[in-house]
Amino acid sequence: MTMERFITLFFCYMFSVLMTLWATKAFKWQSFIAKLIGMSIVGFIAISIPLVILTLMK
């Protein structure tokens, strides 16, 4: 893996983490189960879309 690809993937990962944190605060989820499910869904979407785009560009 090249350094450029590693840095790009790292930023995609950080973006997905920030999106999940934003979603938990924006929707004011109180239940642990709701947070877990919501963070899983938002995190998956936030990291899979950039990864698919990067794969297609390669």
PDB file of N, CA and C in Angstrom:
ATOM      1  N   MET A   1       0.842  -1.168   0.000  1.00  0.00           N
ATOM      2  CA  MET A   1       0.000   0.000   0.000  1.00  0.00           C
ATOM      3  C   MET A   1       0.896   1.241   0.000  1.00  0.00           C
ATOM      4  N   THR A   2       0.568   2.151  -0.870  1.00  0.00           N
ATOM      5  CA  THR A   2       1.347   3.381  -0.949  1.00  0.00           C
ATOM      6  C   THR A   2       0.960   4.335   0.182  1.00  0.00           C
ATOM      7  N   MET A   3       1.831   5.259   0.469  1.00  0.00           N
ATOM      8  CA  MET A   3       1.578   6.222   1.536  1.00  0.00           C
ATOM      9  C   MET A   3       0.377   7.105   1.200  1.00  0.00           C
ATOM     10  N   GLU A   4       0.239   7.460  -0.074  1.00  0.00           N
ATOM     11  CA  GLU A   4      -0.900   8.291  -0.503  1.00  0.00           C
ATOM     12  C   GLU A   4      -2.222   7.578  -0.245  1.00  0.00           C
ATOM     13  N   ARG A   5      -2.289   6.301  -0.584  1.00  0.00           N
ATOM     14  CA  ARG A   5      -3.512   5.510  -0.360  1.00  0.00           C
ATOM     15  C   ARG A   5      -3.789   5.361   1.131  1.00  0.00           C
ATOM     16  N   PHE A   6      -2.760   5.145   1.925  1.00  0.00           N
ATOM     17  CA  PHE A   6      -2.929   5.015   3.367  1.00  0.00           C
ATOM     18  C   PHE A   6      -3.497   6.290   3.973  1.00  0.00           C
ATOM     19  N   ILE A   7      -2.960   7.424   3.569  1.00  0.00           N
ATOM     20  CA  ILE A   7      -3.434   8.712   4.097  1.00  0.00           C
ATOM     21  C   ILE A   7      -4.880   8.957   3.679  1.00  0.00           C
ATOM     22  N   THR A   8      -5.216   8.636   2.454  1.00  0.00           N
ATOM     23  CA  THR A   8      -6.590   8.809   1.976  1.00  0.00           C
ATOM     24  C   THR A   8      -7.549   7.928   2.764  1.00  0.00           C
ATOM     25  N   LEU A   9      -7.189   6.685   2.982  1.00  0.00           N
ATOM     26  CA  LEU A   9      -8.033   5.780   3.766  1.00  0.00           C
ATOM     27  C   LEU A   9      -8.155   6.242   5.212  1.00  0.00           C
ATOM     28  N   PHE A  10      -7.080   6.776   5.753  1.00  0.00           N
ATOM     29  CA  PHE A  10      -7.120   7.284   7.120  1.00  0.00           C
ATOM     30  C   PHE A  10      -8.103   8.442   7.226  1.00  0.00           C
ATOM     31  N   PHE A  11      -8.084   9.354   6.255  1.00  0.00           N
ATOM     32  CA  PHE A  11      -9.027  10.470   6.281  1.00  0.00           C
ATOM     33  C   PHE A  11     -10.469   9.991   6.095  1.00  0.00           C
ATOM     34  N   CYS A  12     -10.679   8.974   5.296  1.00  0.00           N
ATOM     35  CA  CYS A  12     -12.028   8.399   5.156  1.00  0.00           C
ATOM     36  C   CYS A  12     -12.496   7.810   6.476  1.00  0.00           C
ATOM     37  N   TYR A  13     -11.591   7.138   7.168  1.00  0.00           N
ATOM     38  CA  TYR A  13     -11.929   6.563   8.465  1.00  0.00           C
ATOM     39  C   TYR A  13     -12.260   7.671   9.463  1.00  0.00           C
ATOM     40  N   MET A  14     -11.467   8.713   9.516  1.00  0.00           N
ATOM     41  CA  MET A  14     -11.733   9.815  10.445  1.00  0.00           C
ATOM     42  C   MET A  14     -13.051  10.510  10.109  1.00  0.00           C
ATOM     43  N   PHE A  15     -13.350  10.636   8.825  1.00  0.00           N
ATOM     44  CA  PHE A  15     -14.617  11.216   8.404  1.00  0.00           C
ATOM     45  C   PHE A  15     -15.788  10.381   8.909  1.00  0.00           C
ATOM     46  N   SER A  16     -15.678   9.065   8.815  1.00  0.00           N
ATOM     47  CA  SER A  16     -16.772   8.205   9.270  1.00  0.00           C
ATOM     48  C   SER A  16     -16.957   8.299  10.783  1.00  0.00           C
ATOM     49  N   VAL A  17     -15.865   8.418  11.518  1.00  0.00           N
ATOM     50  CA  VAL A  17     -15.959   8.565  12.971  1.00  0.00           C
ATOM     51  C   VAL A  17     -16.642   9.887  13.322  1.00  0.00           C
ATOM     52  N   LEU A  18     -16.248  10.954  12.666  1.00  0.00           N
ATOM     53  CA  LEU A  18     -16.856  12.259  12.932  1.00  0.00           C
ATOM     54  C   LEU A  18     -18.334  12.282  12.556  1.00  0.00           C
ATOM     55  N   MET A  19     -18.698  11.626  11.483  1.00  0.00           N
ATOM     56  CA  MET A  19     -20.110  11.564  11.075  1.00  0.00           C
ATOM     57  C   MET A  19     -20.946  10.813  12.104  1.00  0.00           C
ATOM     58  N   THR A  20     -20.429   9.720  12.644  1.00  0.00           N
ATOM     59  CA  THR A  20     -21.189   8.977  13.644  1.00  0.00           C
ATOM     60  C   THR A  20     -21.333   9.774  14.933  1.00  0.00           C
ATOM     61  N   LEU A  21     -20.285  10.488  15.329  1.00  0.00           N
ATOM     62  CA  LEU A  21     -20.397  11.324  16.525  1.00  0.00           C
ATOM     63  C   LEU A  21     -21.396  12.449  16.312  1.00  0.00           C
ATOM     64  N   TRP A  22     -21.377  13.038  15.138  1.00  0.00           N
ATOM     65  CA  TRP A  22     -22.343  14.099  14.827  1.00  0.00           C
ATOM     66  C   TRP A  22     -23.773  13.560  14.846  1.00  0.00           C
ATOM     67  N   ALA A  23     -23.970  12.367  14.284  1.00  0.00           N
ATOM     68  CA  ALA A  23     -25.315  11.791  14.214  1.00  0.00           C
ATOM     69  C   ALA A  23     -25.866  11.492  15.605  1.00  0.00           C
ATOM     70  N   THR A  24     -25.034  11.002  16.504  1.00  0.00           N
ATOM     71  CA  THR A  24     -25.532  10.709  17.856  1.00  0.00           C
ATOM     72  C   THR A  24     -25.928  11.986  18.586  1.00  0.00           C
ATOM     73  N   LYS A  25     -25.220  13.070  18.346  1.00  0.00           N
ATOM     74  CA  LYS A  25     -25.588  14.340  18.982  1.00  0.00           C
ATOM     75  C   LYS A  25     -26.780  14.996  18.286  1.00  0.00           C
ATOM     76  N   ALA A  26     -26.832  14.906  16.975  1.00  0.00           N
ATOM     77  CA  ALA A  26     -27.909  15.561  16.227  1.00  0.00           C
ATOM     78  C   ALA A  26     -29.263  14.922  16.501  1.00  0.00           C
ATOM     79  N   PHE A  27     -29.292  13.604  16.599  1.00  0.00           N
ATOM     80  CA  PHE A  27     -30.559  12.914  16.816  1.00  0.00           C
ATOM     81  C   PHE A  27     -30.856  12.681  18.294  1.00  0.00           C
ATOM     82  N   LYS A  28     -29.927  13.061  19.159  1.00  0.00           N
ATOM     83  CA  LYS A  28     -30.098  12.958  20.615  1.00  0.00           C
ATOM     84  C   LYS A  28     -30.538  11.556  21.045  1.00  0.00           C
ATOM     85  N   TRP A  29     -29.805  10.566  20.565  1.00  0.00           N
ATOM     86  CA  TRP A  29     -30.106   9.184  20.951  1.00  0.00           C
ATOM     87  C   TRP A  29     -29.720   8.974  22.399  1.00  0.00           C
ATOM     88  N   GLN A  30     -30.651   8.476  23.217  1.00  0.00           N
ATOM     89  CA  GLN A  30     -30.397   8.251  24.628  1.00  0.00           C
ATOM     90  C   GLN A  30     -30.093   6.780  24.919  1.00  0.00           C
ATOM     91  N   SER A  31     -30.758   5.892  24.237  1.00  0.00           N
ATOM     92  CA  SER A  31     -30.595   4.464  24.466  1.00  0.00           C
ATOM     93  C   SER A  31     -29.273   3.969  23.888  1.00  0.00           C
ATOM     94  N   PHE A  32     -28.618   3.063  24.627  1.00  0.00           N
ATOM     95  CA  PHE A  32     -27.364   2.491  24.147  1.00  0.00           C
ATOM     96  C   PHE A  32     -27.577   1.696  22.868  1.00  0.00           C
ATOM     97  N   ILE A  33     -28.673   0.951  22.801  1.00  0.00           N
ATOM     98  CA  ILE A  33     -28.978   0.148  21.611  1.00  0.00           C
ATOM     99  C   ILE A  33     -29.204   1.056  20.405  1.00  0.00           C
ATOM    100  N   ALA A  34     -29.925   2.156  20.604  1.00  0.00           N
ATOM    101  CA  ALA A  34     -30.161   3.099  19.505  1.00  0.00           C
ATOM    102  C   ALA A  34     -28.844   3.710  19.034  1.00  0.00           C
ATOM    103  N   LYS A  35     -27.978   4.067  19.981  1.00  0.00           N
ATOM    104  CA  LYS A  35     -26.672   4.612  19.609  1.00  0.00           C
ATOM    105  C   LYS A  35     -25.853   3.583  18.845  1.00  0.00           C
ATOM    106  N   LEU A  36     -25.860   2.348  19.315  1.00  0.00           N
ATOM    107  CA  LEU A  36     -25.080   1.291  18.677  1.00  0.00           C
ATOM    108  C   LEU A  36     -25.550   1.026  17.247  1.00  0.00           C
ATOM    109  N   ILE A  37     -26.846   0.893  17.075  1.00  0.00           N
ATOM    110  CA  ILE A  37     -27.399   0.631  15.741  1.00  0.00           C
ATOM    111  C   ILE A  37     -27.199   1.846  14.827  1.00  0.00           C
ATOM    112  N   GLY A  38     -27.498   3.023  15.337  1.00  0.00           N
ATOM    113  CA  GLY A  38     -27.352   4.233  14.539  1.00  0.00           C
ATOM    114  C   GLY A  38     -25.921   4.492  14.140  1.00  0.00           C
ATOM    115  N   MET A  39     -24.997   4.320  15.077  1.00  0.00           N
ATOM    116  CA  MET A  39     -23.588   4.549  14.770  1.00  0.00           C
ATOM    117  C   MET A  39     -23.073   3.515  13.786  1.00  0.00           C
ATOM    118  N   SER A  40     -23.569   2.282  13.884  1.00  0.00           N
ATOM    119  CA  SER A  40     -23.141   1.246  12.936  1.00  0.00           C
ATOM    120  C   SER A  40     -23.596   1.579  11.524  1.00  0.00           C
ATOM    121  N   ILE A  41     -24.830   2.002  11.394  1.00  0.00           N
ATOM    122  CA  ILE A  41     -25.379   2.314  10.067  1.00  0.00           C
ATOM    123  C   ILE A  41     -24.701   3.550   9.476  1.00  0.00           C
ATOM    124  N   VAL A  42     -24.634   4.623  10.255  1.00  0.00           N
ATOM    125  CA  VAL A  42     -24.026   5.855   9.757  1.00  0.00           C
ATOM    126  C   VAL A  42     -22.547   5.646   9.468  1.00  0.00           C
ATOM    127  N   GLY A  43     -21.848   4.945  10.343  1.00  0.00           N
ATOM    128  CA  GLY A  43     -20.430   4.677  10.132  1.00  0.00           C
ATOM    129  C   GLY A  43     -20.171   3.842   8.896  1.00  0.00           C
ATOM    130  N   PHE A  44     -21.013   2.830   8.679  1.00  0.00           N
ATOM    131  CA  PHE A  44     -20.857   1.990   7.500  1.00  0.00           C
ATOM    132  C   PHE A  44     -21.056   2.797   6.224  1.00  0.00           C
ATOM    133  N   ILE A  45     -22.084   3.621   6.205  1.00  0.00           N
ATOM    134  CA  ILE A  45     -22.355   4.436   5.021  1.00  0.00           C
ATOM    135  C   ILE A  45     -21.238   5.455   4.805  1.00  0.00           C
ATOM    136  N   ALA A  46     -20.790   6.087   5.893  1.00  0.00           N
ATOM    137  CA  ALA A  46     -19.785   7.141   5.769  1.00  0.00           C
ATOM    138  C   ALA A  46     -18.428   6.606   5.333  1.00  0.00           C
ATOM    139  N   ILE A  47     -18.130   5.344   5.626  1.00  0.00           N
ATOM    140  CA  ILE A  47     -16.828   4.817   5.209  1.00  0.00           C
ATOM    141  C   ILE A  47     -16.930   4.016   3.910  1.00  0.00           C
ATOM    142  N   SER A  48     -18.081   3.425   3.620  1.00  0.00           N
ATOM    143  CA  SER A  48     -18.166   2.592   2.413  1.00  0.00           C
ATOM    144  C   SER A  48     -18.237   3.416   1.132  1.00  0.00           C
ATOM    145  N   ILE A  49     -18.909   4.542   1.165  1.00  0.00           N
ATOM    146  CA  ILE A  49     -19.031   5.361  -0.043  1.00  0.00           C
ATOM    147  C   ILE A  49     -17.664   5.890  -0.514  1.00  0.00           C
ATOM    148  N   PRO A  50     -16.856   6.499   0.378  1.00  0.00           N
ATOM    149  CA  PRO A  50     -15.525   6.933  -0.104  1.00  0.00           C
ATOM    150  C   PRO A  50     -14.642   5.764  -0.531  1.00  0.00           C
ATOM    151  N   LEU A  51     -14.745   4.629   0.143  1.00  0.00           N
ATOM    152  CA  LEU A  51     -13.925   3.487  -0.239  1.00  0.00           C
ATOM    153  C   LEU A  51     -14.316   2.941  -1.609  1.00  0.00           C
ATOM    154  N   VAL A  52     -15.603   2.935  -1.909  1.00  0.00           N
ATOM    155  CA  VAL A  52     -16.052   2.492  -3.227  1.00  0.00           C
ATOM    156  C   VAL A  52     -15.535   3.454  -4.302  1.00  0.00           C
ATOM    157  N   ILE A  53     -15.615   4.731  -4.032  1.00  0.00           N
ATOM    158  CA  ILE A  53     -15.126   5.731  -4.987  1.00  0.00           C
ATOM    159  C   ILE A  53     -13.627   5.580  -5.205  1.00  0.00           C
ATOM    160  N   LEU A  54     -12.876   5.376  -4.113  1.00  0.00           N
ATOM    161  CA  LEU A  54     -11.423   5.189  -4.249  1.00  0.00           C
ATOM    162  C   LEU A  54     -11.089   3.927  -5.035  1.00  0.00           C
ATOM    163  N   THR A  55     -11.864   2.873  -4.814  1.00  0.00           N
ATOM    164  CA  THR A  55     -11.627   1.623  -5.540  1.00  0.00           C
ATOM    165  C   THR A  55     -11.918   1.796  -7.024  1.00  0.00           C
ATOM    166  N   LEU A  56     -12.982   2.504  -7.357  1.00  0.00           N
ATOM    167  CA  LEU A  56     -13.321   2.718  -8.767  1.00  0.00           C
ATOM    168  C   LEU A  56     -12.286   3.625  -9.451  1.00  0.00           C
ATOM    169  N   MET A  57     -11.707   4.553  -8.696  1.00  0.00           N
ATOM    170  CA  MET A  57     -10.703   5.444  -9.276  1.00  0.00           C
ATOM    171  C   MET A  57      -9.370   4.726  -9.510  1.00  0.00           C
ATOM    172  N   LYS A  58      -9.133   3.660  -8.786  1.00  0.00           N
ATOM    173  CA  LYS A  58      -7.855   2.945  -8.892  1.00  0.00           C
ATOM    174  C   LYS A  58      -7.798   2.182 -10.146  1.00  0.00           C
TER     175      LYS A  58
END
